[in-house]
Amino acid sequence: MVIRKFAAIDIGSNAVRLLVNNVIEHEDKPPAFKKSSLIRVPVRLGEDSFTKGEISNYSLQRLIKTMKSFDLLMDIYGVEKYMATATSALREAKNGKEVVKRVLEETGIQIEIIDGKKEAAIIASTDLKELIKNDRSYLYVDVGGGSTEFTIFERGMLKASKSFKIGTVRILNGLVKEEIWNKIKDWITSHLKDGAKVEIIGSGGNINKLHKMSGRKMGQPLSYIWLNAQYHFLNSMDYEDRISELGLNQDRADVIIPAAQIFLSAAKWSGSKKIHVPKIGLADGMIKTLYYE
């Protein structure tokens, strides 16, 4: 048996994450992927990028400090290879390339800014297919701070995928027009067959948190009815009460509501009554991509 270590750095719009994975290799078995550690740092780059058009020096310095700490952690864990990707916040910032250059100069970490199409492709390389049954359709929804990736699977095969500029940080800052919601609705309804049995697979920190709050066991899906009730319950509370009474982190207590709104809309337009939450996403896809390369 050989245990190898790989890491993925996901630089999103609402937070920056480091995932360290053990890959256990046996001679006569397929490799087993086991999460070793997940560190999440609340650096909200999207607030700068989407409202000011560029990353502020304050956010840049916080990102650099985060990358320095991640570099040290990867060294301590004995990581042999890593991948660092940035999504919509750096993709849309006027100084995104300059930020990447500064981070490389000061930390040695190379960041790749990826587009929505590549983001969706990396996510699709995860263990999604293990969840997908051939007798129904699935709408995979990955909600981020700046963008949301939608992927449709039919008969176990990927049928269509698209990234939209809608995310929790954008919604919080009033940057999502009704036109975007309509485009998503049209895309979903046009790619699903009438009367098809559809279930949603959700990913992202917010749906994971909602699943944990529901008290359901791993593998048990959320119902549309429960999520809708929880959305209205959370929306009725003040931001401060969500932190003090529900124990939500400061950077989760606001974005969880627009995230629920996106999932509910996707469920309504697809006719889905169930939302599976397998706790996989971009970082998991990066680990798989690294290993199989």
Protein backbone atom coordinates (compact mmCIF):
# COMPACT_ATOMS: atom_id res chain seq x y z
CA MET A 1 0.00 0.00 0.00
CA VAL A 2 1.20 3.49 -0.90
CA ILE A 3 -0.33 6.70 0.45
CA ARG A 4 0.21 9.81 -1.66
CA LYS A 5 -0.88 13.34 -0.82
CA PHE A 6 -2.36 15.92 -3.19
CA ALA A 7 -3.80 19.36 -2.52
CA ALA A 8 -6.29 21.68 -4.17
CA ILE A 9 -6.56 25.42 -3.56
CA ASP A 10 -9.94 26.86 -4.56
CA ILE A 11 -9.92 30.68 -4.69
CA GLY A 12 -13.60 31.58 -4.84
CA SER A 13 -15.62 34.75 -4.55
CA ASN A 14 -16.68 34.23 -0.93
CA ALA A 15 -13.78 32.24 0.52
CA VAL A 16 -10.45 30.54 -0.17
CA ARG A 17 -10.10 26.82 0.57
CA LEU A 18 -7.28 24.31 0.88
CA LEU A 19 -8.19 20.64 0.51
CA VAL A 20 -5.55 18.00 1.29
CA ASN A 21 -6.35 14.48 0.09
CA ASN A 22 -4.78 11.10 0.72
CA VAL A 23 -4.74 8.84 -2.33
CA ILE A 24 -4.36 5.24 -1.19
CA GLU A 25 -2.90 2.95 -3.83
CA HIS A 26 -3.15 -0.88 -3.73
CA GLU A 27 -1.73 -3.23 -6.36
CA ASP A 28 -5.03 -4.93 -7.22
CA LYS A 29 -7.54 -2.21 -6.34
CA PRO A 30 -8.52 1.18 -7.80
CA PRO A 31 -7.11 4.16 -5.86
CA ALA A 32 -9.10 5.38 -2.86
CA PHE A 33 -9.48 9.14 -2.33
CA LYS A 34 -9.80 10.21 1.32
CA LYS A 35 -10.03 13.79 2.58
CA SER A 36 -7.28 14.53 5.06
CA SER A 37 -7.92 18.20 5.82
CA LEU A 38 -10.06 21.12 4.64
CA ILE A 39 -9.21 24.68 5.63
CA ARG A 40 -11.52 27.55 4.71
CA VAL A 41 -10.46 31.20 5.03
CA PRO A 42 -13.11 33.98 4.65
CA VAL A 43 -11.38 36.17 2.06
CA ARG A 44 -14.32 37.63 0.09
CA LEU A 45 -12.67 38.68 -3.18
CA GLY A 46 -16.01 38.91 -4.96
CA GLU A 47 -17.08 41.94 -2.95
CA ASP A 48 -14.17 43.89 -4.46
CA SER A 49 -14.36 42.44 -7.93
CA PHE A 50 -18.10 42.70 -8.51
CA THR A 51 -18.62 46.15 -6.98
CA LYS A 52 -15.33 47.97 -7.72
CA GLY A 53 -14.05 46.02 -10.70
CA GLU A 54 -10.72 45.17 -9.09
CA ILE A 55 -9.15 43.52 -6.05
CA SER A 56 -8.20 46.03 -3.35
CA ASN A 57 -4.72 46.08 -1.79
CA TYR A 58 -6.29 45.04 1.55
CA SER A 59 -7.83 41.89 -0.01
CA LEU A 60 -4.63 41.20 -1.95
CA GLN A 61 -2.56 41.25 1.26
CA ARG A 62 -5.04 38.91 2.95
CA LEU A 63 -4.86 36.55 -0.03
CA ILE A 64 -1.04 36.60 0.03
CA LYS A 65 -0.99 35.78 3.77
CA THR A 66 -3.47 32.96 3.16
CA MET A 67 -1.35 31.51 0.35
CA LYS A 68 1.79 31.69 2.52
CA SER A 69 0.01 29.73 5.25
CA PHE A 70 -1.29 27.19 2.72
CA ASP A 71 2.24 26.73 1.36
CA LEU A 72 3.53 25.96 4.85
CA LEU A 73 0.64 23.57 5.54
CA MET A 74 1.20 21.68 2.29
CA ASP A 75 4.88 21.30 3.23
CA ILE A 76 3.96 19.96 6.69
CA TYR A 77 1.41 17.52 5.23
CA GLY A 78 3.97 16.29 2.69
CA VAL A 79 1.93 17.21 -0.39
CA GLU A 80 3.66 16.06 -3.56
CA LYS A 81 1.60 18.10 -6.01
CA TYR A 82 -1.03 20.84 -5.85
CA MET A 83 -3.37 22.77 -8.12
CA ALA A 84 -4.58 26.31 -7.39
CA THR A 85 -7.49 27.75 -9.37
CA ALA A 86 -9.39 31.03 -9.19
CA THR A 87 -12.92 31.48 -10.49
CA SER A 88 -15.19 34.44 -11.23
CA ALA A 89 -13.83 37.00 -8.73
CA LEU A 90 -10.31 37.03 -10.19
CA ARG A 91 -11.61 36.22 -13.67
CA GLU A 92 -13.56 39.49 -13.77
CA ALA A 93 -11.22 41.74 -11.79
CA LYS A 94 -9.30 44.22 -13.97
CA ASN A 95 -6.16 43.47 -11.97
CA GLY A 96 -6.75 39.69 -11.78
CA LYS A 97 -3.56 38.81 -13.68
CA GLU A 98 -1.58 41.27 -11.59
CA VAL A 99 -2.90 39.60 -8.40
CA VAL A 100 -1.82 36.19 -9.71
CA LYS A 101 1.64 37.58 -10.48
CA ARG A 102 2.01 39.14 -7.01
CA VAL A 103 0.95 35.93 -5.29
CA LEU A 104 3.49 33.95 -7.32
CA GLU A 105 6.28 36.41 -6.53
CA GLU A 106 5.59 36.50 -2.79
CA THR A 107 4.51 32.92 -2.09
CA GLY A 108 5.70 30.74 -4.98
CA ILE A 109 2.13 29.49 -5.55
CA GLN A 110 0.99 29.49 -9.18
CA ILE A 111 -2.70 30.29 -9.60
CA GLU A 112 -4.63 29.45 -12.77
CA ILE A 113 -7.66 31.62 -13.52
CA ILE A 114 -10.21 29.27 -15.09
CA ASP A 115 -13.36 30.04 -17.07
CA GLY A 116 -16.82 28.70 -16.30
CA LYS A 117 -16.56 25.94 -18.89
CA LYS A 118 -13.36 24.52 -17.39
CA GLU A 119 -14.79 24.91 -13.88
CA ALA A 120 -17.82 22.80 -14.86
CA ALA A 121 -15.56 20.20 -16.54
CA ILE A 122 -13.38 19.84 -13.42
CA ILE A 123 -16.46 19.45 -11.22
CA ALA A 124 -17.83 16.79 -13.60
CA SER A 125 -14.64 14.73 -13.07
CA THR A 126 -15.64 14.02 -9.45
CA ASP A 127 -17.57 11.00 -8.18
CA LEU A 128 -20.84 12.37 -9.58
CA LYS A 129 -21.35 9.38 -11.84
CA GLU A 130 -21.54 7.07 -8.83
CA LEU A 131 -24.70 8.91 -7.76
CA ILE A 132 -26.36 9.02 -11.15
CA LYS A 133 -28.93 6.38 -12.11
CA ASN A 134 -29.87 5.68 -15.72
CA ASP A 135 -33.65 5.82 -15.20
CA ARG A 136 -33.84 9.55 -14.38
CA SER A 137 -32.36 12.94 -15.20
CA TYR A 138 -30.19 15.03 -12.90
CA LEU A 139 -29.52 18.74 -12.67
CA TYR A 140 -26.18 19.39 -10.99
CA VAL A 141 -26.05 22.86 -9.41
CA ASP A 142 -22.79 24.25 -8.02
CA VAL A 143 -23.48 27.60 -6.32
CA GLY A 144 -20.54 29.93 -5.77
CA GLY A 145 -20.16 33.54 -4.76
CA GLY A 146 -19.84 34.89 -8.29
CA SER A 147 -21.09 32.18 -10.62
CA THR A 148 -23.24 29.07 -10.64
CA GLU A 149 -22.56 26.04 -12.82
CA PHE A 150 -25.50 24.00 -14.10
CA THR A 151 -24.99 20.55 -15.63
CA ILE A 152 -27.65 18.16 -16.91
CA PHE A 153 -27.18 14.38 -16.95
CA GLU A 154 -29.50 12.03 -18.83
CA ARG A 155 -29.22 8.24 -18.86
CA GLY A 156 -25.94 8.50 -16.99
CA MET A 157 -24.38 10.79 -19.60
CA LEU A 158 -23.56 14.50 -19.50
CA LYS A 159 -26.00 16.24 -21.82
CA ALA A 160 -25.38 19.99 -21.32
CA SER A 161 -23.46 22.35 -19.06
CA LYS A 162 -23.43 26.12 -18.62
CA SER A 163 -22.04 28.71 -16.23
CA PHE A 164 -24.12 31.77 -15.34
CA LYS A 165 -23.01 35.02 -13.66
CA ILE A 166 -25.20 34.52 -10.66
CA GLY A 167 -23.88 33.83 -7.18
CA THR A 168 -24.42 34.62 -3.53
CA VAL A 169 -22.07 37.63 -3.34
CA ARG A 170 -23.50 39.08 -6.57
CA ILE A 171 -27.07 38.76 -5.27
CA LEU A 172 -26.16 40.32 -1.90
CA ASN A 173 -24.74 43.33 -3.72
CA GLY A 174 -27.82 43.74 -5.95
CA LEU A 175 -25.92 42.82 -9.12
CA VAL A 176 -28.25 40.14 -10.50
CA LYS A 177 -31.01 41.38 -12.79
CA GLU A 178 -34.27 39.56 -13.50
CA GLU A 179 -32.95 38.88 -16.99
CA ILE A 180 -30.34 36.44 -15.62
CA TRP A 181 -32.96 34.48 -13.67
CA ASN A 182 -35.06 34.23 -16.85
CA LYS A 183 -32.07 33.00 -18.87
CA ILE A 184 -31.41 30.25 -16.33
CA LYS A 185 -35.07 29.21 -16.35
CA ASP A 186 -35.09 29.07 -20.16
CA TRP A 187 -31.85 27.06 -20.24
CA ILE A 188 -33.07 24.50 -17.70
CA THR A 189 -36.51 24.02 -19.26
CA SER A 190 -35.15 23.83 -22.82
CA HIS A 191 -32.62 21.10 -21.94
CA LEU A 192 -34.95 18.86 -19.93
CA LYS A 193 -37.55 16.64 -21.56
CA ASP A 194 -41.19 17.29 -20.69
CA GLY A 195 -42.30 14.96 -17.93
CA ALA A 196 -38.77 13.79 -17.15
CA LYS A 197 -38.12 12.60 -13.60
CA VAL A 198 -35.49 15.07 -12.39
CA GLU A 199 -33.44 15.21 -9.20
CA ILE A 200 -30.96 17.90 -8.20
CA ILE A 201 -27.40 17.30 -7.04
CA GLY A 202 -26.19 20.35 -5.14
CA SER A 203 -22.68 21.42 -4.19
CA GLY A 204 -21.05 24.37 -2.48
CA GLY A 205 -20.54 25.38 1.12
CA ASN A 206 -24.05 26.74 1.59
CA ILE A 207 -25.98 23.64 0.55
CA ASN A 208 -23.59 21.53 2.65
CA LYS A 209 -24.38 23.75 5.64
CA LEU A 210 -28.12 23.56 4.96
CA HIS A 211 -27.90 19.77 4.81
CA LYS A 212 -26.06 19.72 8.16
CA MET A 213 -28.70 22.03 9.68
CA SER A 214 -31.45 19.66 8.50
CA GLY A 215 -30.13 16.86 10.70
CA ARG A 216 -30.27 14.40 7.82
CA LYS A 217 -27.67 11.66 7.56
CA MET A 218 -25.03 11.62 4.83
CA GLY A 219 -26.69 10.34 1.67
CA GLN A 220 -30.21 11.45 2.62
CA PRO A 221 -31.47 14.14 0.22
CA LEU A 222 -33.13 17.40 1.19
CA SER A 223 -36.74 17.83 0.14
CA TYR A 224 -37.95 20.90 -1.75
CA ILE A 225 -40.57 21.42 0.96
CA TRP A 226 -37.97 21.46 3.77
CA LEU A 227 -35.61 23.77 1.87
CA ASN A 228 -38.42 26.19 1.06
CA ALA A 229 -39.50 26.31 4.73
CA GLN A 230 -35.89 26.78 5.88
CA TYR A 231 -35.36 29.59 3.38
CA HIS A 232 -38.36 31.51 4.74
CA PHE A 233 -37.27 30.81 8.33
CA LEU A 234 -33.74 32.14 7.71
CA ASN A 235 -35.06 35.11 5.76
CA SER A 236 -37.31 36.07 8.68
CA MET A 237 -34.31 36.38 11.02
CA ASP A 238 -31.89 39.27 11.38
CA TYR A 239 -28.31 38.73 10.27
CA GLU A 240 -27.12 39.02 13.88
CA ASP A 241 -29.66 36.42 15.06
CA ARG A 242 -28.49 33.93 12.43
CA ILE A 243 -25.02 34.24 13.99
CA SER A 244 -25.96 34.30 17.68
CA GLU A 245 -28.92 31.90 17.66
CA LEU A 246 -28.05 29.49 14.84
CA GLY A 247 -24.27 29.62 15.26
CA LEU A 248 -23.57 30.51 11.63
CA ASN A 249 -20.21 32.08 10.76
CA GLN A 250 -20.27 35.77 9.82
CA ASP A 251 -19.45 35.08 6.18
CA ARG A 252 -22.05 32.29 5.99
CA ALA A 253 -24.97 34.03 7.73
CA ASP A 254 -25.63 36.36 4.78
CA VAL A 255 -24.83 34.23 1.71
CA ILE A 256 -26.84 31.19 2.82
CA ILE A 257 -30.13 32.91 1.92
CA PRO A 258 -29.35 33.75 -1.75
CA ALA A 259 -27.84 30.28 -2.12
CA ALA A 260 -31.10 28.69 -0.96
CA GLN A 261 -32.94 30.99 -3.40
CA ILE A 262 -30.86 29.67 -6.33
CA PHE A 263 -31.43 26.02 -5.38
CA LEU A 264 -35.17 26.55 -4.88
CA SER A 265 -35.47 28.27 -8.27
CA ALA A 266 -33.56 25.44 -9.98
CA ALA A 267 -35.78 22.85 -8.28
CA LYS A 268 -38.95 24.70 -9.27
CA TRP A 269 -37.95 25.08 -12.92
CA SER A 270 -36.75 21.48 -13.23
CA GLY A 271 -39.68 19.99 -11.31
CA SER A 272 -37.32 18.37 -8.82
CA LYS A 273 -38.56 17.38 -5.36
CA LYS A 274 -35.19 16.12 -4.08
CA ILE A 275 -31.79 17.74 -3.63
CA HIS A 276 -28.87 15.35 -3.10
CA VAL A 277 -25.88 16.80 -1.24
CA PRO A 278 -22.84 14.53 -1.77
CA LYS A 279 -20.31 17.11 -0.47
CA ILE A 280 -18.18 17.21 -3.59
CA GLY A 281 -17.14 20.17 -5.67
CA LEU A 282 -14.38 21.98 -7.53
CA ALA A 283 -11.60 21.10 -5.07
CA ASP A 284 -12.45 17.38 -5.26
CA GLY A 285 -12.38 17.59 -9.05
CA MET A 286 -8.95 19.24 -8.92
CA ILE A 287 -7.57 16.37 -6.81
CA LYS A 288 -8.85 13.82 -9.35
CA THR A 289 -7.46 15.87 -12.24
CA LEU A 290 -4.03 16.12 -10.56
CA TYR A 291 -3.84 12.40 -9.80
CA TYR A 292 -4.92 11.12 -13.20
CA GLU A 293 -2.64 13.55 -15.02
